[in-house]
Protein backbone atom coordinates (compact mmCIF):
# COMPACT_ATOMS: atom_id res chain seq x y z
CA MET A 1 99.61 106.92 98.44
CA MET A 2 100.02 110.12 100.59
CA THR A 3 96.43 109.64 102.29
CA LYS A 4 97.05 105.89 102.75
CA ALA A 5 100.31 106.82 104.68
CA LEU A 6 98.13 109.42 107.36
CA LEU A 7 95.21 106.80 107.59
CA ALA A 8 98.26 104.17 108.73
CA CYS A 9 98.85 106.85 111.09
CA GLY A 10 96.13 106.08 112.80
CA ALA A 11 96.10 102.54 112.70
CA ILE A 12 99.33 102.70 114.58
CA ALA A 13 98.15 105.53 117.14
CA GLY A 14 96.07 103.71 119.16
CA PRO A 15 98.05 100.07 119.45
CA LEU A 16 101.32 102.05 120.39
CA PHE A 17 99.81 104.52 123.11
CA VAL A 18 98.09 101.58 124.89
CA LEU A 19 101.03 99.79 124.38
CA VAL A 20 103.31 102.49 125.92
CA PHE A 21 100.89 102.88 128.93
CA LEU A 22 100.65 99.11 130.00
CA LEU A 23 104.23 99.02 130.26
CA GLU A 24 105.08 102.12 131.87
CA GLY A 25 101.97 101.08 134.38
CA ALA A 26 103.73 97.62 135.57
CA THR A 27 107.13 98.68 135.74
CA ARG A 28 106.34 102.02 138.13
CA ALA A 29 106.31 101.81 142.14
CA ASP A 30 103.41 103.16 143.50
CA TYR A 31 101.67 102.56 140.18
CA ASP A 32 98.15 101.19 140.25
CA PRO A 33 96.27 100.66 136.80
CA LEU A 34 92.68 99.77 137.77
CA ARG A 35 93.01 103.10 140.35
CA HIS A 36 95.00 105.62 138.65
CA PRO A 37 94.55 107.84 135.07
CA VAL A 38 97.24 106.83 132.36
CA SER A 39 98.07 111.28 132.39
CA SER A 40 99.44 110.16 136.00
CA LEU A 41 102.82 108.19 134.49
CA ALA A 42 103.39 111.56 133.09
CA LEU A 43 104.49 112.60 136.96
CA GLY A 44 108.03 111.20 138.22
CA ASP A 45 111.30 110.68 137.70
CA TYR A 46 110.52 109.36 133.82
CA GLY A 47 107.26 110.80 133.14
CA TRP A 48 108.99 112.53 130.26
CA VAL A 49 108.31 109.33 128.67
CA GLN A 50 104.25 109.51 129.02
CA SER A 51 104.63 112.99 127.97
CA ALA A 52 106.00 112.09 124.38
CA ASN A 53 103.59 109.25 124.55
CA LEU A 54 100.57 111.45 124.42
CA VAL A 55 102.22 113.89 121.72
CA VAL A 56 103.37 111.35 119.46
CA ALA A 57 99.67 109.62 120.30
CA GLY A 58 98.61 112.86 119.33
CA LEU A 59 100.64 113.55 116.04
CA LEU A 60 99.90 110.28 115.05
CA THR A 61 96.13 111.17 115.56
CA LEU A 62 96.23 114.54 114.00
CA ALA A 63 97.60 112.39 110.80
CA PHE A 64 95.16 110.09 110.54
CA SER A 65 92.19 113.00 110.80
CA VAL A 66 93.71 114.89 107.58
CA GLY A 67 94.62 111.36 106.19
CA LEU A 68 89.95 110.82 106.73
CA ARG A 69 89.44 114.14 105.47
CA ARG A 70 91.09 113.18 102.15
CA ALA A 71 90.06 109.74 101.92
CA PHE A 72 85.87 110.74 102.46
CA ARG A 73 83.90 111.69 99.35
CA PRO A 74 81.38 114.22 99.55
CA ALA A 75 78.80 112.37 101.93
CA GLU A 76 77.43 113.53 105.29
CA GLY A 77 79.71 113.21 108.04
CA SER A 78 82.74 114.04 105.54
CA THR A 79 83.49 116.93 107.55
CA TRP A 80 82.88 116.23 111.21
CA VAL A 81 84.21 112.76 111.38
CA PRO A 82 87.69 114.36 110.17
CA LEU A 83 87.30 117.19 112.41
CA LEU A 84 85.98 115.10 115.57
CA VAL A 85 89.61 112.80 115.59
CA GLY A 86 91.51 116.64 115.64
CA LEU A 87 90.26 117.18 117.98
CA TRP A 88 90.53 113.97 119.81
CA ALA A 89 94.15 114.53 118.27
CA VAL A 90 94.74 118.18 120.07
CA GLY A 91 93.32 116.44 123.19
CA LEU A 92 96.02 113.94 123.32
CA LEU A 93 98.87 116.90 122.54
CA GLY A 94 97.40 118.66 125.28
CA ALA A 95 97.64 116.23 127.69
CA GLY A 96 101.21 115.32 126.46
CA VAL A 97 102.30 119.19 127.46
CA PHE A 98 100.71 120.35 129.70
CA VAL A 99 101.33 117.62 132.99
CA THR A 100 98.15 116.54 135.32
CA ALA A 101 97.77 117.01 138.57
CA PRO A 102 98.09 114.76 141.27
CA VAL A 103 94.80 112.46 142.23
CA SER A 104 94.29 109.41 143.71
CA GLY A 105 96.96 109.23 145.49
CA TYR A 106 99.23 109.46 143.01
CA PRO A 107 101.93 109.94 143.36
CA PRO A 108 102.96 108.77 146.80
CA GLY A 109 102.14 111.08 149.55
CA SER A 110 99.74 113.65 147.30
CA THR A 111 96.07 114.27 147.90
CA ASP A 112 92.90 111.53 146.50
CA ARG A 113 91.04 114.67 145.45
CA ALA A 114 93.60 116.82 142.37
CA VAL A 115 94.16 120.12 143.03
CA GLN A 116 95.56 122.56 141.00
CA TYR A 117 98.42 123.95 141.24
CA SER A 118 99.51 125.00 138.24
CA TRP A 119 97.85 125.88 135.09
CA HIS A 120 99.88 123.34 133.26
CA GLY A 121 97.38 120.99 135.31
CA ALA A 122 94.38 123.65 135.09
CA LEU A 123 94.80 123.45 130.91
CA HIS A 124 95.84 119.77 130.76
CA ASP A 125 91.45 119.06 132.59
CA LEU A 126 90.40 121.46 130.52
CA LEU A 127 92.02 119.94 126.92
CA SER A 128 91.94 116.03 127.73
CA PRO A 129 88.00 115.95 128.59
CA LEU A 130 87.50 117.63 125.69
CA GLY A 131 89.19 115.42 123.36
CA PHE A 132 86.99 112.96 125.24
CA VAL A 133 83.90 114.12 123.81
CA ALA A 134 85.08 114.66 120.69
CA LEU A 135 86.09 110.55 120.23
CA ALA A 136 82.91 109.99 121.36
CA ALA A 137 80.74 111.71 119.26
CA ALA A 138 83.14 110.57 116.11
CA CYS A 139 81.99 107.36 116.81
CA PHE A 140 78.91 107.96 116.44
CA VAL A 141 79.19 110.17 113.68
CA PHE A 142 81.16 106.99 112.21
CA GLY A 143 78.08 104.67 113.21
CA ARG A 144 75.74 107.23 111.23
CA TRP A 145 77.62 107.64 107.70
CA PHE A 146 78.99 103.79 107.84
CA ALA A 147 74.75 103.12 107.91
CA GLY A 148 74.09 105.66 105.19
CA GLN A 149 76.54 103.89 102.83
CA GLY A 150 75.16 100.60 103.96
CA GLU A 151 77.15 99.33 106.01
CA ARG A 152 75.85 97.63 108.59
CA GLY A 153 78.50 95.83 110.86
CA TRP A 154 80.42 99.24 110.75
CA ALA A 155 77.94 101.09 111.61
CA ILE A 156 76.80 98.89 115.09
CA TYR A 157 80.45 98.03 115.87
CA SER A 158 80.99 102.21 115.39
CA ALA A 159 77.52 103.23 117.85
CA VAL A 160 78.83 100.11 120.53
CA SER A 161 81.87 101.38 120.92
CA GLY A 162 80.76 104.95 121.55
CA VAL A 163 78.45 103.80 123.73
CA VAL A 164 81.01 102.13 125.48
CA PHE A 165 83.39 104.38 125.35
CA ALA A 166 81.23 107.29 126.62
CA VAL A 167 79.89 105.17 129.75
CA ALA A 168 83.33 104.28 130.74
CA PHE A 169 84.70 107.53 130.46
CA VAL A 170 81.58 109.09 132.85
CA LEU A 171 82.79 106.14 135.47
CA SER A 172 86.02 106.68 134.65
CA SER A 173 86.01 110.69 135.42
CA ALA A 174 83.19 109.97 138.78
CA GLY A 175 85.70 108.05 140.13
CA PHE A 176 88.98 110.44 139.50
CA GLY A 177 86.34 112.74 141.18
CA GLN A 178 87.27 110.57 144.02
CA ALA A 179 82.53 109.00 143.98
CA GLU A 180 82.52 105.55 146.31
CA GLY A 181 82.75 103.02 145.14
CA LEU A 182 84.36 103.70 141.97
CA VAL A 183 87.52 105.13 143.00
CA ASP A 184 89.83 102.15 142.94
CA LEU A 185 88.78 101.45 139.09
CA ALA A 186 88.43 104.36 137.98
CA GLY A 187 91.82 103.88 136.02
CA LEU A 188 91.03 100.21 134.27
CA PHE A 189 87.35 102.46 133.23
CA GLN A 190 89.91 105.42 131.71
CA ARG A 191 91.92 102.03 129.90
CA VAL A 192 88.20 100.72 127.89
CA ALA A 193 87.73 103.92 127.04
CA VAL A 194 91.28 104.93 125.18
CA THR A 195 91.67 101.13 123.77
CA VAL A 196 87.74 101.27 122.85
CA GLY A 197 87.85 104.68 121.70
CA PHE A 198 91.34 104.31 119.67
CA GLY A 199 89.37 100.64 117.91
């Protein structure tokens, strides 16, 4: 019963996180979801909502990683999958606790390129990519584990999710770094990565 409850946390984390950042992004003046990162919603008067969203998603995902550890029988991937999902949770928690620096002109009046004015922003930029890389790796480890179990459909789904997630993450990172041609779609690429990764 406890294992099922922990696994259910993973099923709740993604949809809840995505719903909150979509609503927040739609209600913020001067915020462009196609251009700006999800983490930028933690800036400004109502930034606490997105910070709380990241922390709640991180705690639910951490519970999910514990559930995965309990659910896996001793087999290849039984250690790596929960560990990698746990690192994704740490990345979410870090992004929620340590507020990002302004980037891509949000909030209004800030520069396009992220400039670290505080150790909070530096820690955010250290922990967030760690989480993204861990989740991409988890998709591939899941794929290999499913293949070993003879679950071809789930193996393909996991591998394709990993590829889409990794490509979208790289494109969003380049866009937030102000790469020409990607800046105005960096937020969209990040949303694709996060949604596919949680899926």
